[in-house]
Amino acid sequence: MLIKVEDHNAVAVVSFEVEEHFNDPEPLRQVISERMDAGCKDFLLDLENIVYMSSSSLGFIITLYQQLKKQGGRLKLMRAQPSVSNLIEITRLDRILEMFDDPETALRSFE
């Protein structure tokens, strides 16, 4: 899994470089942990290239959200493909996770 991280002010924008099935959350967990250890608290996950998300990956996102919230951080999602967006809506996670269609609006929401 090729994961790219870009810093936009205090927000780490995490994206997946190729179209993927998000089955194993471990590579993402490592990237996020490194950023959190460096003091980053706000994350924006760009799901544009994720066409499938496993239950373990969804569970990781929930755990990450809770962990960041306890530390005063935030996790938001953007550009989810319809299949992933539907999963998030079916599980009612859209009630706690903010989702955006475009990067500009998503980044502004952290201000």
N, C-alpha and C. Protein backbone atom coordinates (compact mmCIF):
# COMPACT_ATOMS: atom_id res chain seq x y z
N MET A 1 0.84 -1.17 0.00
CA MET A 1 0.00 0.00 0.00
C MET A 1 0.90 1.24 0.00
N LEU A 2 0.72 2.06 -0.98
CA LEU A 2 1.50 3.29 -1.10
C LEU A 2 0.71 4.43 -0.46
N ILE A 3 1.25 4.95 0.62
CA ILE A 3 0.58 6.01 1.37
C ILE A 3 1.41 7.28 1.28
N LYS A 4 0.73 8.38 1.00
CA LYS A 4 1.39 9.66 0.86
C LYS A 4 0.84 10.60 1.94
N VAL A 5 1.72 11.37 2.57
CA VAL A 5 1.30 12.33 3.59
C VAL A 5 1.81 13.71 3.21
N GLU A 6 0.91 14.67 3.19
CA GLU A 6 1.26 16.06 2.94
C GLU A 6 0.79 16.89 4.11
N ASP A 7 1.62 17.82 4.53
CA ASP A 7 1.24 18.71 5.62
C ASP A 7 0.65 19.99 5.07
N HIS A 8 -0.51 20.35 5.60
CA HIS A 8 -1.17 21.61 5.28
C HIS A 8 -1.42 22.31 6.60
N ASN A 9 -0.54 23.23 6.93
CA ASN A 9 -0.53 23.86 8.25
C ASN A 9 -0.37 22.76 9.29
N ALA A 10 -1.32 22.61 10.20
CA ALA A 10 -1.19 21.59 11.25
C ALA A 10 -1.94 20.32 10.92
N VAL A 11 -2.42 20.21 9.68
CA VAL A 11 -3.22 19.04 9.27
C VAL A 11 -2.38 18.13 8.38
N ALA A 12 -2.36 16.85 8.73
CA ALA A 12 -1.70 15.85 7.88
C ALA A 12 -2.74 15.25 6.96
N VAL A 13 -2.56 15.46 5.66
CA VAL A 13 -3.46 14.90 4.66
C VAL A 13 -2.85 13.58 4.19
N VAL A 14 -3.57 12.50 4.46
CA VAL A 14 -3.09 11.16 4.16
C VAL A 14 -3.88 10.61 2.99
N SER A 15 -3.16 10.21 1.94
CA SER A 15 -3.83 9.68 0.76
C SER A 15 -3.17 8.38 0.31
N PHE A 16 -3.88 7.67 -0.50
CA PHE A 16 -3.41 6.40 -1.05
C PHE A 16 -3.10 6.65 -2.52
N GLU A 17 -1.88 6.32 -2.93
CA GLU A 17 -1.41 6.73 -4.25
C GLU A 17 -1.96 5.92 -5.41
N VAL A 18 -2.42 4.71 -5.15
CA VAL A 18 -2.99 3.90 -6.23
C VAL A 18 -4.34 3.37 -5.76
N GLU A 19 -5.16 2.99 -6.74
CA GLU A 19 -6.48 2.45 -6.40
C GLU A 19 -6.30 1.15 -5.64
N GLU A 20 -6.94 1.07 -4.51
CA GLU A 20 -6.68 -0.06 -3.61
C GLU A 20 -7.94 -0.57 -2.94
N HIS A 21 -7.81 -1.79 -2.48
CA HIS A 21 -8.75 -2.35 -1.51
C HIS A 21 -8.07 -2.15 -0.17
N PHE A 22 -8.74 -1.48 0.73
CA PHE A 22 -8.18 -1.16 2.03
C PHE A 22 -8.52 -2.31 2.98
N ASN A 23 -7.75 -3.40 2.85
CA ASN A 23 -7.98 -4.61 3.64
C ASN A 23 -7.16 -4.64 4.91
N ASP A 24 -5.93 -4.18 4.85
CA ASP A 24 -5.01 -4.27 5.98
C ASP A 24 -4.68 -2.86 6.47
N PRO A 25 -5.15 -2.51 7.67
CA PRO A 25 -4.91 -1.15 8.16
C PRO A 25 -3.50 -0.92 8.71
N GLU A 26 -2.67 -1.97 8.81
CA GLU A 26 -1.37 -1.83 9.46
C GLU A 26 -0.46 -0.78 8.82
N PRO A 27 -0.32 -0.73 7.49
CA PRO A 27 0.54 0.32 6.90
C PRO A 27 0.05 1.74 7.26
N LEU A 28 -1.25 1.93 7.24
CA LEU A 28 -1.80 3.24 7.61
C LEU A 28 -1.57 3.51 9.09
N ARG A 29 -1.75 2.50 9.92
CA ARG A 29 -1.52 2.64 11.36
C ARG A 29 -0.09 3.12 11.63
N GLN A 30 0.87 2.56 10.92
CA GLN A 30 2.26 2.94 11.11
C GLN A 30 2.50 4.40 10.73
N VAL A 31 1.96 4.81 9.60
CA VAL A 31 2.13 6.19 9.13
C VAL A 31 1.49 7.16 10.12
N ILE A 32 0.28 6.86 10.55
CA ILE A 32 -0.43 7.73 11.49
C ILE A 32 0.32 7.79 12.83
N SER A 33 0.79 6.64 13.31
CA SER A 33 1.51 6.60 14.59
C SER A 33 2.77 7.46 14.55
N GLU A 34 3.49 7.40 13.45
CA GLU A 34 4.70 8.22 13.30
C GLU A 34 4.35 9.70 13.38
N ARG A 35 3.27 10.09 12.72
CA ARG A 35 2.86 11.50 12.72
C ARG A 35 2.37 11.92 14.10
N MET A 36 1.65 11.04 14.77
CA MET A 36 1.17 11.37 16.10
C MET A 36 2.34 11.50 17.07
N ASP A 37 3.32 10.63 16.94
CA ASP A 37 4.52 10.71 17.79
C ASP A 37 5.27 12.03 17.57
N ALA A 38 5.15 12.57 16.35
CA ALA A 38 5.79 13.84 16.03
C ALA A 38 4.94 15.05 16.45
N GLY A 39 3.76 14.77 17.05
CA GLY A 39 2.94 15.85 17.57
C GLY A 39 1.73 16.22 16.75
N CYS A 40 1.50 15.55 15.64
CA CYS A 40 0.34 15.87 14.80
C CYS A 40 -0.93 15.33 15.45
N LYS A 41 -1.98 16.15 15.46
CA LYS A 41 -3.24 15.76 16.07
C LYS A 41 -4.41 15.78 15.10
N ASP A 42 -4.26 16.46 13.97
CA ASP A 42 -5.35 16.59 13.02
C ASP A 42 -5.00 15.86 11.72
N PHE A 43 -5.93 14.98 11.31
CA PHE A 43 -5.71 14.17 10.12
C PHE A 43 -6.91 14.25 9.19
N LEU A 44 -6.60 14.30 7.90
CA LEU A 44 -7.61 14.26 6.85
C LEU A 44 -7.27 13.08 5.96
N LEU A 45 -8.15 12.08 5.94
CA LEU A 45 -7.93 10.90 5.10
C LEU A 45 -8.60 11.12 3.75
N ASP A 46 -7.81 11.07 2.70
CA ASP A 46 -8.31 11.19 1.34
C ASP A 46 -8.57 9.78 0.83
N LEU A 47 -9.83 9.44 0.67
CA LEU A 47 -10.23 8.08 0.28
C LEU A 47 -10.53 7.96 -1.21
N GLU A 48 -10.06 8.90 -1.99
CA GLU A 48 -10.38 8.92 -3.42
C GLU A 48 -10.01 7.62 -4.12
N ASN A 49 -8.89 7.01 -3.76
CA ASN A 49 -8.43 5.80 -4.44
C ASN A 49 -8.79 4.50 -3.73
N ILE A 50 -9.63 4.58 -2.72
CA ILE A 50 -10.06 3.37 -2.01
C ILE A 50 -11.40 2.93 -2.58
N VAL A 51 -11.40 1.75 -3.17
CA VAL A 51 -12.63 1.25 -3.79
C VAL A 51 -13.33 0.21 -2.92
N TYR A 52 -12.65 -0.29 -1.90
CA TYR A 52 -13.23 -1.25 -0.97
C TYR A 52 -12.56 -1.07 0.39
N MET A 53 -13.34 -1.17 1.45
CA MET A 53 -12.79 -1.05 2.80
C MET A 53 -13.28 -2.24 3.62
N SER A 54 -12.34 -2.97 4.20
CA SER A 54 -12.68 -4.13 5.03
C SER A 54 -13.20 -3.67 6.39
N SER A 55 -13.81 -4.59 7.12
CA SER A 55 -14.31 -4.27 8.45
C SER A 55 -13.17 -3.93 9.40
N SER A 56 -12.02 -4.58 9.25
CA SER A 56 -10.88 -4.26 10.13
C SER A 56 -10.36 -2.86 9.85
N SER A 57 -10.37 -2.44 8.60
CA SER A 57 -9.93 -1.09 8.26
C SER A 57 -10.93 -0.04 8.78
N LEU A 58 -12.19 -0.37 8.66
CA LEU A 58 -13.22 0.52 9.20
C LEU A 58 -13.08 0.61 10.72
N GLY A 59 -12.80 -0.51 11.35
CA GLY A 59 -12.58 -0.52 12.80
C GLY A 59 -11.39 0.34 13.18
N PHE A 60 -10.33 0.29 12.37
CA PHE A 60 -9.15 1.12 12.64
C PHE A 60 -9.52 2.61 12.58
N ILE A 61 -10.32 2.99 11.61
CA ILE A 61 -10.72 4.40 11.48
C ILE A 61 -11.52 4.83 12.71
N ILE A 62 -12.39 3.97 13.20
CA ILE A 62 -13.18 4.29 14.40
C ILE A 62 -12.25 4.45 15.61
N THR A 63 -11.33 3.52 15.77
CA THR A 63 -10.38 3.58 16.89
C THR A 63 -9.51 4.82 16.80
N LEU A 64 -9.06 5.14 15.59
CA LEU A 64 -8.24 6.33 15.39
C LEU A 64 -9.02 7.59 15.75
N TYR A 65 -10.26 7.65 15.30
CA TYR A 65 -11.11 8.80 15.62
C TYR A 65 -11.20 8.98 17.14
N GLN A 66 -11.48 7.89 17.85
CA GLN A 66 -11.62 7.96 19.30
C GLN A 66 -10.31 8.38 19.98
N GLN A 67 -9.22 7.81 19.51
CA GLN A 67 -7.91 8.12 20.08
C GLN A 67 -7.55 9.59 19.88
N LEU A 68 -7.77 10.10 18.67
CA LEU A 68 -7.47 11.50 18.38
C LEU A 68 -8.37 12.43 19.19
N LYS A 69 -9.62 12.08 19.30
CA LYS A 69 -10.56 12.92 20.05
C LYS A 69 -10.13 13.05 21.50
N LYS A 70 -9.68 11.96 22.11
CA LYS A 70 -9.21 11.98 23.50
C LYS A 70 -8.00 12.90 23.66
N GLN A 71 -7.20 13.03 22.59
CA GLN A 71 -5.99 13.84 22.65
C GLN A 71 -6.21 15.26 22.12
N GLY A 72 -7.45 15.60 21.86
CA GLY A 72 -7.76 16.94 21.37
C GLY A 72 -7.56 17.09 19.87
N GLY A 73 -7.44 15.97 19.17
CA GLY A 73 -7.24 15.99 17.72
C GLY A 73 -8.53 15.70 16.97
N ARG A 74 -8.41 15.73 15.66
CA ARG A 74 -9.59 15.51 14.81
C ARG A 74 -9.22 14.61 13.63
N LEU A 75 -10.19 13.83 13.20
CA LEU A 75 -10.07 12.99 12.01
C LEU A 75 -11.26 13.29 11.12
N LYS A 76 -10.97 13.61 9.87
CA LYS A 76 -12.03 13.87 8.90
C LYS A 76 -11.70 13.10 7.63
N LEU A 77 -12.73 12.85 6.82
CA LEU A 77 -12.57 12.07 5.59
C LEU A 77 -12.98 12.93 4.40
N MET A 78 -12.36 12.62 3.26
CA MET A 78 -12.77 13.32 2.04
C MET A 78 -12.71 12.39 0.83
N ARG A 79 -13.48 12.75 -0.16
CA ARG A 79 -13.52 12.13 -1.49
C ARG A 79 -13.72 10.61 -1.45
N ALA A 80 -14.60 10.15 -0.59
CA ALA A 80 -14.88 8.71 -0.52
C ALA A 80 -15.62 8.26 -1.77
N GLN A 81 -15.20 7.14 -2.31
CA GLN A 81 -15.88 6.52 -3.43
C GLN A 81 -17.28 6.09 -2.97
N PRO A 82 -18.23 5.95 -3.89
CA PRO A 82 -19.59 5.58 -3.48
C PRO A 82 -19.66 4.31 -2.63
N SER A 83 -18.88 3.30 -2.95
CA SER A 83 -18.93 2.06 -2.17
C SER A 83 -18.47 2.28 -0.73
N VAL A 84 -17.46 3.09 -0.54
CA VAL A 84 -16.95 3.39 0.80
C VAL A 84 -17.90 4.35 1.51
N SER A 85 -18.39 5.32 0.82
CA SER A 85 -19.33 6.28 1.40
C SER A 85 -20.59 5.55 1.88
N ASN A 86 -21.07 4.59 1.08
CA ASN A 86 -22.25 3.81 1.48
C ASN A 86 -21.98 3.02 2.74
N LEU A 87 -20.80 2.42 2.84
CA LEU A 87 -20.42 1.66 4.03
C LEU A 87 -20.43 2.56 5.26
N ILE A 88 -19.88 3.75 5.12
CA ILE A 88 -19.83 4.69 6.24
C ILE A 88 -21.24 5.12 6.64
N GLU A 89 -22.11 5.30 5.67
CA GLU A 89 -23.49 5.69 5.97
C GLU A 89 -24.27 4.53 6.59
N ILE A 90 -24.08 3.32 6.07
CA ILE A 90 -24.79 2.15 6.61
C ILE A 90 -24.42 1.90 8.07
N THR A 91 -23.16 2.10 8.38
CA THR A 91 -22.69 1.90 9.76
C THR A 91 -22.95 3.13 10.63
N ARG A 92 -23.53 4.14 10.05
CA ARG A 92 -23.88 5.40 10.72
C ARG A 92 -22.68 6.18 11.23
N LEU A 93 -21.54 5.89 10.68
CA LEU A 93 -20.34 6.63 11.07
C LEU A 93 -20.36 8.06 10.53
N ASP A 94 -21.19 8.29 9.53
CA ASP A 94 -21.30 9.65 8.99
C ASP A 94 -21.87 10.61 10.04
N ARG A 95 -22.41 10.07 11.14
CA ARG A 95 -22.92 10.91 12.21
C ARG A 95 -21.81 11.44 13.11
N ILE A 96 -20.66 10.74 13.11
CA ILE A 96 -19.55 11.21 13.95
C ILE A 96 -18.35 11.67 13.13
N LEU A 97 -18.18 11.12 11.94
CA LEU A 97 -17.04 11.50 11.09
C LEU A 97 -17.50 12.49 10.04
N GLU A 98 -16.84 13.62 9.99
CA GLU A 98 -17.16 14.59 8.95
C GLU A 98 -16.58 14.11 7.62
N MET A 99 -17.39 14.22 6.57
CA MET A 99 -16.96 13.81 5.24
C MET A 99 -17.12 14.98 4.28
N PHE A 100 -16.14 15.12 3.39
CA PHE A 100 -16.13 16.24 2.45
C PHE A 100 -15.90 15.73 1.04
N ASP A 101 -16.37 16.51 0.07
CA ASP A 101 -16.20 16.14 -1.33
C ASP A 101 -14.95 16.74 -1.95
N ASP A 102 -14.45 17.84 -1.38
CA ASP A 102 -13.28 18.47 -2.00
C ASP A 102 -12.26 18.87 -0.93
N PRO A 103 -10.99 18.90 -1.33
CA PRO A 103 -9.91 19.21 -0.38
C PRO A 103 -9.99 20.61 0.23
N GLU A 104 -10.38 21.60 -0.55
CA GLU A 104 -10.40 22.96 -0.05
C GLU A 104 -11.38 23.12 1.12
N THR A 105 -12.59 22.59 0.94
CA THR A 105 -13.59 22.67 1.99
C THR A 105 -13.15 21.86 3.22
N ALA A 106 -12.60 20.69 2.97
CA ALA A 106 -12.14 19.84 4.06
C ALA A 106 -11.05 20.54 4.88
N LEU A 107 -10.08 21.13 4.22
CA LEU A 107 -8.99 21.81 4.94
C LEU A 107 -9.49 23.04 5.69
N ARG A 108 -10.43 23.77 5.09
CA ARG A 108 -11.00 24.95 5.77
C ARG A 108 -11.74 24.55 7.04
N SER A 109 -12.28 23.34 7.07
CA SER A 109 -13.07 22.90 8.24
C SER A 109 -12.20 22.74 9.48
N PHE A 110 -10.89 22.68 9.31
CA PHE A 110 -9.98 22.55 10.45
C PHE A 110 -9.63 23.90 11.07
N GLU A 111 -9.97 24.99 10.39
CA GLU A 111 -9.61 26.33 10.89
C GLU A 111 -10.44 26.73 12.08
